[in-house]
Amino acid sequence: VGFPTTLTSIGNEAFRYCSSLKDLQIPSGVRHLGEFSFQGCSKVTNLSLPAGLESINRYAFAGCSELPELTIPASVSSIKDHAFSACSSLLNLTIPEGVTSIEDGAFSTCTGLLGVSIPSSISHIPTDAFSGCSSLDNLTFPSSVASMGNFAFKDCTGMINLNLPEGITDLGYGAF
């Protein structure tokens, strides 16, 4: 997709189910991605998010099942619910330090996900955040994580090593 450099916002469902899209170079001026904006773009293999992006809205890239890697810009403060759910080819994930909020199911059923780096700016892992990430095998949490929602890591059947932080006070129902 050739986006104009003047673009600052991509609206709800703008490219939903455009299943032939392969390369998404979102221009540097874009600050907002609407809900479901690229959901179901199952052939996307290259995604470049701009440095000034502020949040990743709900279901924005859900079902981008061929996406192998992802760099979330440091400018992003929140990742809304199911933003990257069912991105089954995603292998590794580093959530930048600026992210303070991850919502329900944000990375659920990313079945190829092997590793996740969670920043110290996160204090809560919500419901279903990484549920169904069946290849995830090693997790270490920063000391800032105080609670985990219900089913946060449910069906992470490949889990071999898990290190919970010393200060955690609440593990939700079926967290693991």
C-alpha atoms as a PDB file:
ATOM      1  CA  VAL A   1       0.000   0.000   0.000  1.00  0.00           C
ATOM      2  CA  GLY A   2       1.344   3.424  -0.925  1.00  0.00           C
ATOM      3  CA  PHE A   3       0.275   5.842   1.784  1.00  0.00           C
ATOM      4  CA  PRO A   4       0.632   9.620   1.355  1.00  0.00           C
ATOM      5  CA  THR A   5       3.066  11.275   3.791  1.00  0.00           C
ATOM      6  CA  THR A   6       0.297  13.682   4.878  1.00  0.00           C
ATOM      7  CA  LEU A   7      -1.710  10.854   6.487  1.00  0.00           C
ATOM      8  CA  THR A   8      -2.184  11.241  10.283  1.00  0.00           C
ATOM      9  CA  SER A   9      -4.968   8.764  11.016  1.00  0.00           C
ATOM     10  CA  ILE A  10      -6.245   5.448   9.648  1.00  0.00           C
ATOM     11  CA  GLY A  11      -9.902   4.913  10.508  1.00  0.00           C
ATOM     12  CA  ASN A  12     -11.866   1.971  11.866  1.00  0.00           C
ATOM     13  CA  GLU A  13     -11.934  -1.034   9.527  1.00  0.00           C
ATOM     14  CA  ALA A  14     -10.059   0.933   6.807  1.00  0.00           C
ATOM     15  CA  PHE A  15      -8.308  -2.155   5.406  1.00  0.00           C
ATOM     16  CA  ARG A  16     -10.163  -4.912   7.279  1.00  0.00           C
ATOM     17  CA  TYR A  17      -9.872  -8.287   5.530  1.00  0.00           C
ATOM     18  CA  CYS A  18      -7.730  -6.966   2.673  1.00  0.00           C
ATOM     19  CA  SER A  19      -6.236 -10.418   2.569  1.00  0.00           C
ATOM     20  CA  SER A  20      -3.846  -9.750  -0.339  1.00  0.00           C
ATOM     21  CA  LEU A  21      -1.858  -6.956   1.359  1.00  0.00           C
ATOM     22  CA  LYS A  22       1.748  -8.003   2.024  1.00  0.00           C
ATOM     23  CA  ASP A  23       3.762  -4.923   2.924  1.00  0.00           C
ATOM     24  CA  LEU A  24       2.556  -2.191   5.288  1.00  0.00           C
ATOM     25  CA  GLN A  25       4.844   0.814   5.681  1.00  0.00           C
ATOM     26  CA  ILE A  26       2.679   3.162   7.734  1.00  0.00           C
ATOM     27  CA  PRO A  27       3.923   6.750   7.285  1.00  0.00           C
ATOM     28  CA  SER A  28       5.661   8.660  10.067  1.00  0.00           C
ATOM     29  CA  GLY A  29       2.811  11.164  10.516  1.00  0.00           C
ATOM     30  CA  VAL A  30       0.258   8.539  11.583  1.00  0.00           C
ATOM     31  CA  ARG A  31      -0.583   8.868  15.296  1.00  0.00           C
ATOM     32  CA  HIS A  32      -3.835   6.889  15.384  1.00  0.00           C
ATOM     33  CA  LEU A  33      -4.921   3.498  14.038  1.00  0.00           C
ATOM     34  CA  GLY A  34      -8.642   2.799  14.198  1.00  0.00           C
ATOM     35  CA  GLU A  35     -10.299  -0.313  15.575  1.00  0.00           C
ATOM     36  CA  PHE A  36     -10.035  -3.352  13.270  1.00  0.00           C
ATOM     37  CA  SER A  37      -8.004  -1.174  10.841  1.00  0.00           C
ATOM     38  CA  PHE A  38      -5.942  -4.070   9.424  1.00  0.00           C
ATOM     39  CA  GLN A  39      -7.714  -7.056  10.970  1.00  0.00           C
ATOM     40  CA  GLY A  40      -7.601 -10.185   8.840  1.00  0.00           C
ATOM     41  CA  CYS A  41      -4.856  -8.960   6.500  1.00  0.00           C
ATOM     42  CA  SER A  42      -3.557 -12.493   6.601  1.00  0.00           C
ATOM     43  CA  LYS A  43      -0.786 -12.126   3.981  1.00  0.00           C
ATOM     44  CA  VAL A  44       1.063  -9.223   5.650  1.00  0.00           C
ATOM     45  CA  THR A  45       4.688 -10.263   6.112  1.00  0.00           C
ATOM     46  CA  ASN A  46       6.239  -6.844   6.674  1.00  0.00           C
ATOM     47  CA  LEU A  47       4.863  -4.198   9.026  1.00  0.00           C
ATOM     48  CA  SER A  48       6.540  -0.903   9.838  1.00  0.00           C
ATOM     49  CA  LEU A  49       4.869   1.172  12.557  1.00  0.00           C
ATOM     50  CA  PRO A  50       5.799   4.879  12.785  1.00  0.00           C
ATOM     51  CA  ALA A  51       7.850   6.272  15.672  1.00  0.00           C
ATOM     52  CA  GLY A  52       5.096   8.711  16.718  1.00  0.00           C
ATOM     53  CA  LEU A  53       2.281   6.173  16.985  1.00  0.00           C
ATOM     54  CA  GLU A  54       0.553   6.655  20.353  1.00  0.00           C
ATOM     55  CA  SER A  55      -1.589   3.555  20.785  1.00  0.00           C
ATOM     56  CA  ILE A  56      -2.515   0.398  18.915  1.00  0.00           C
ATOM     57  CA  ASN A  57      -6.269   0.132  18.880  1.00  0.00           C
ATOM     58  CA  ARG A  58      -8.398  -2.954  19.468  1.00  0.00           C
ATOM     59  CA  TYR A  59      -8.117  -5.702  16.861  1.00  0.00           C
ATOM     60  CA  ALA A  60      -5.910  -3.398  14.717  1.00  0.00           C
ATOM     61  CA  PHE A  61      -3.748  -6.264  13.421  1.00  0.00           C
ATOM     62  CA  ALA A  62      -5.666  -9.306  14.668  1.00  0.00           C
ATOM     63  CA  GLY A  63      -5.411 -12.221  12.272  1.00  0.00           C
ATOM     64  CA  CYS A  64      -2.305 -10.971  10.453  1.00  0.00           C
ATOM     65  CA  SER A  65      -1.267 -14.600  10.521  1.00  0.00           C
ATOM     66  CA  GLU A  66       1.836 -14.370   8.277  1.00  0.00           C
ATOM     67  CA  LEU A  67       3.524 -11.535  10.226  1.00  0.00           C
ATOM     68  CA  PRO A  68       6.848 -12.990  11.522  1.00  0.00           C
ATOM     69  CA  GLU A  69       8.211 -10.001  13.453  1.00  0.00           C
ATOM     70  CA  LEU A  70       7.024  -6.826  15.070  1.00  0.00           C
ATOM     71  CA  THR A  71       8.697  -3.712  16.427  1.00  0.00           C
ATOM     72  CA  ILE A  72       6.425  -1.655  18.621  1.00  0.00           C
ATOM     73  CA  PRO A  73       7.586   1.985  18.680  1.00  0.00           C
ATOM     74  CA  ALA A  74       8.670   3.485  22.023  1.00  0.00           C
ATOM     75  CA  SER A  75       6.014   6.195  21.563  1.00  0.00           C
ATOM     76  CA  VAL A  76       3.187   3.660  22.067  1.00  0.00           C
ATOM     77  CA  SER A  77       1.684   3.839  25.559  1.00  0.00           C
ATOM     78  CA  SER A  78      -1.147   1.335  25.219  1.00  0.00           C
ATOM     79  CA  ILE A  79      -1.935  -1.831  23.299  1.00  0.00           C
ATOM     80  CA  LYS A  80      -5.694  -2.285  23.201  1.00  0.00           C
ATOM     81  CA  ASP A  81      -7.629  -5.536  23.443  1.00  0.00           C
ATOM     82  CA  HIS A  82      -6.854  -8.211  20.851  1.00  0.00           C
ATOM     83  CA  ALA A  83      -4.619  -5.791  18.893  1.00  0.00           C
ATOM     84  CA  PHE A  84      -2.359  -8.630  17.703  1.00  0.00           C
ATOM     85  CA  SER A  85      -4.416 -11.723  18.519  1.00  0.00           C
ATOM     86  CA  ALA A  86      -4.031 -14.659  16.125  1.00  0.00           C
ATOM     87  CA  CYS A  87      -0.762 -13.365  14.638  1.00  0.00           C
ATOM     88  CA  SER A  88       0.309 -16.989  14.541  1.00  0.00           C
ATOM     89  CA  SER A  89       3.655 -16.504  12.741  1.00  0.00           C
ATOM     90  CA  LEU A  90       4.952 -13.899  15.199  1.00  0.00           C
ATOM     91  CA  LEU A  91       8.089 -15.383  16.798  1.00  0.00           C
ATOM     92  CA  ASN A  92       9.493 -12.878  19.304  1.00  0.00           C
ATOM     93  CA  LEU A  93       8.073  -9.794  20.922  1.00  0.00           C
ATOM     94  CA  THR A  94       9.666  -6.898  22.754  1.00  0.00           C
ATOM     95  CA  ILE A  95       7.211  -4.530  24.356  1.00  0.00           C
ATOM     96  CA  PRO A  96       8.951  -1.146  24.793  1.00  0.00           C
ATOM     97  CA  GLU A  97       9.386   0.578  28.123  1.00  0.00           C
ATOM     98  CA  GLY A  98       6.868   3.331  27.258  1.00  0.00           C
ATOM     99  CA  VAL A  99       3.934   0.908  27.143  1.00  0.00           C
ATOM    100  CA  THR A 100       1.990   1.213  30.396  1.00  0.00           C
ATOM    101  CA  SER A 101      -1.149  -0.686  29.416  1.00  0.00           C
ATOM    102  CA  ILE A 102      -1.761  -4.000  27.674  1.00  0.00           C
ATOM    103  CA  GLU A 103      -5.436  -4.896  27.402  1.00  0.00           C
ATOM    104  CA  ASP A 104      -7.323  -8.210  27.358  1.00  0.00           C
ATOM    105  CA  GLY A 105      -6.262 -10.723  24.718  1.00  0.00           C
ATOM    106  CA  ALA A 106      -3.708  -8.341  23.154  1.00  0.00           C
ATOM    107  CA  PHE A 107      -1.457 -11.207  22.000  1.00  0.00           C
ATOM    108  CA  SER A 108      -3.765 -14.198  22.464  1.00  0.00           C
ATOM    109  CA  THR A 109      -3.362 -17.196  20.139  1.00  0.00           C
ATOM    110  CA  CYS A 110      -0.020 -16.030  18.750  1.00  0.00           C
ATOM    111  CA  THR A 111       0.801 -19.718  18.501  1.00  0.00           C
ATOM    112  CA  GLY A 112       4.309 -19.254  17.058  1.00  0.00           C
ATOM    113  CA  LEU A 113       5.442 -16.824  19.770  1.00  0.00           C
ATOM    114  CA  LEU A 114       8.620 -18.138  21.410  1.00  0.00           C
ATOM    115  CA  GLY A 115       9.646 -15.237  23.626  1.00  0.00           C
ATOM    116  CA  VAL A 116       8.248 -12.062  25.162  1.00  0.00           C
ATOM    117  CA  SER A 117      10.062  -9.200  26.816  1.00  0.00           C
ATOM    118  CA  ILE A 118       7.753  -7.355  29.207  1.00  0.00           C
ATOM    119  CA  PRO A 119       8.924  -3.888  30.343  1.00  0.00           C
ATOM    120  CA  SER A 120       9.033  -2.614  33.915  1.00  0.00           C
ATOM    121  CA  SER A 121       6.380  -0.028  32.962  1.00  0.00           C
ATOM    122  CA  ILE A 122       3.773  -2.839  33.096  1.00  0.00           C
ATOM    123  CA  SER A 123       2.189  -3.629  36.469  1.00  0.00           C
ATOM    124  CA  HIS A 124      -0.721  -5.819  35.347  1.00  0.00           C
ATOM    125  CA  ILE A 125      -0.991  -8.634  32.791  1.00  0.00           C
ATOM    126  CA  PRO A 126      -4.694  -8.683  31.842  1.00  0.00           C
ATOM    127  CA  THR A 127      -7.159 -11.461  31.134  1.00  0.00           C
ATOM    128  CA  ASP A 128      -6.187 -13.667  28.172  1.00  0.00           C
ATOM    129  CA  ALA A 129      -3.236 -11.382  27.284  1.00  0.00           C
ATOM    130  CA  PHE A 130      -1.104 -14.290  26.051  1.00  0.00           C
ATOM    131  CA  SER A 131      -3.573 -17.182  26.239  1.00  0.00           C
ATOM    132  CA  GLY A 132      -3.094 -19.818  23.563  1.00  0.00           C
ATOM    133  CA  CYS A 133       0.531 -18.862  22.856  1.00  0.00           C
ATOM    134  CA  SER A 134       1.384 -22.545  22.744  1.00  0.00           C
ATOM    135  CA  SER A 135       5.047 -22.133  21.695  1.00  0.00           C
ATOM    136  CA  LEU A 136       5.926 -19.709  24.506  1.00  0.00           C
ATOM    137  CA  ASP A 137       8.417 -21.620  26.630  1.00  0.00           C
ATOM    138  CA  ASN A 138      10.263 -19.186  28.895  1.00  0.00           C
ATOM    139  CA  LEU A 139       8.883 -16.251  30.888  1.00  0.00           C
ATOM    140  CA  THR A 140      10.541 -13.876  33.293  1.00  0.00           C
ATOM    141  CA  PHE A 141       8.568 -10.944  34.609  1.00  0.00           C
ATOM    142  CA  PRO A 142       9.879  -7.586  35.816  1.00  0.00           C
ATOM    143  CA  SER A 143       9.400  -6.826  39.510  1.00  0.00           C
ATOM    144  CA  SER A 144       6.769  -4.219  38.561  1.00  0.00           C
ATOM    145  CA  VAL A 145       4.195  -6.907  37.684  1.00  0.00           C
ATOM    146  CA  ALA A 146       1.897  -7.111  40.706  1.00  0.00           C
ATOM    147  CA  SER A 147      -1.085  -8.945  39.218  1.00  0.00           C
ATOM    148  CA  MET A 148      -2.268 -11.191  36.402  1.00  0.00           C
ATOM    149  CA  GLY A 149      -5.795 -11.513  35.128  1.00  0.00           C
ATOM    150  CA  ASN A 150      -7.803 -14.654  34.562  1.00  0.00           C
ATOM    151  CA  PHE A 151      -6.375 -16.979  31.914  1.00  0.00           C
ATOM    152  CA  ALA A 152      -3.485 -14.555  31.197  1.00  0.00           C
ATOM    153  CA  PHE A 153      -1.275 -17.441  29.968  1.00  0.00           C
ATOM    154  CA  LYS A 154      -3.884 -20.198  29.606  1.00  0.00           C
ATOM    155  CA  ASP A 155      -2.985 -22.923  27.101  1.00  0.00           C
ATOM    156  CA  CYS A 156       0.665 -21.903  26.882  1.00  0.00           C
ATOM    157  CA  THR A 157       1.376 -25.609  26.635  1.00  0.00           C
ATOM    158  CA  GLY A 158       5.063 -25.221  25.702  1.00  0.00           C
ATOM    159  CA  MET A 159       5.968 -23.475  28.973  1.00  0.00           C
ATOM    160  CA  ILE A 160       9.178 -24.909  30.431  1.00  0.00           C
ATOM    161  CA  ASN A 161      10.523 -22.117  32.635  1.00  0.00           C
ATOM    162  CA  LEU A 162       8.507 -19.557  34.567  1.00  0.00           C
ATOM    163  CA  ASN A 163       9.858 -16.935  36.978  1.00  0.00           C
ATOM    164  CA  LEU A 164       7.212 -14.925  38.808  1.00  0.00           C
ATOM    165  CA  PRO A 165       8.280 -11.615  40.393  1.00  0.00           C
ATOM    166  CA  GLU A 166       8.790 -11.457  44.133  1.00  0.00           C
ATOM    167  CA  GLY A 167       6.163  -8.740  44.658  1.00  0.00           C
ATOM    168  CA  ILE A 168       3.255 -10.327  42.795  1.00  0.00           C
ATOM    169  CA  THR A 169       0.090 -10.241  44.899  1.00  0.00           C
ATOM    170  CA  ASP A 170      -2.670 -11.565  42.648  1.00  0.00           C
ATOM    171  CA  LEU A 171      -2.799 -14.448  40.171  1.00  0.00           C
ATOM    172  CA  GLY A 172      -6.143 -14.640  38.408  1.00  0.00           C
ATOM    173  CA  TYR A 173      -8.236 -17.762  37.929  1.00  0.00           C
ATOM    174  CA  GLY A 174      -6.529 -20.159  35.504  1.00  0.00           C
ATOM    175  CA  ALA A 175      -3.648 -17.695  34.981  1.00  0.00           C
ATOM    176  CA  PHE A 176      -1.420 -20.492  33.704  1.00  0.00           C
END
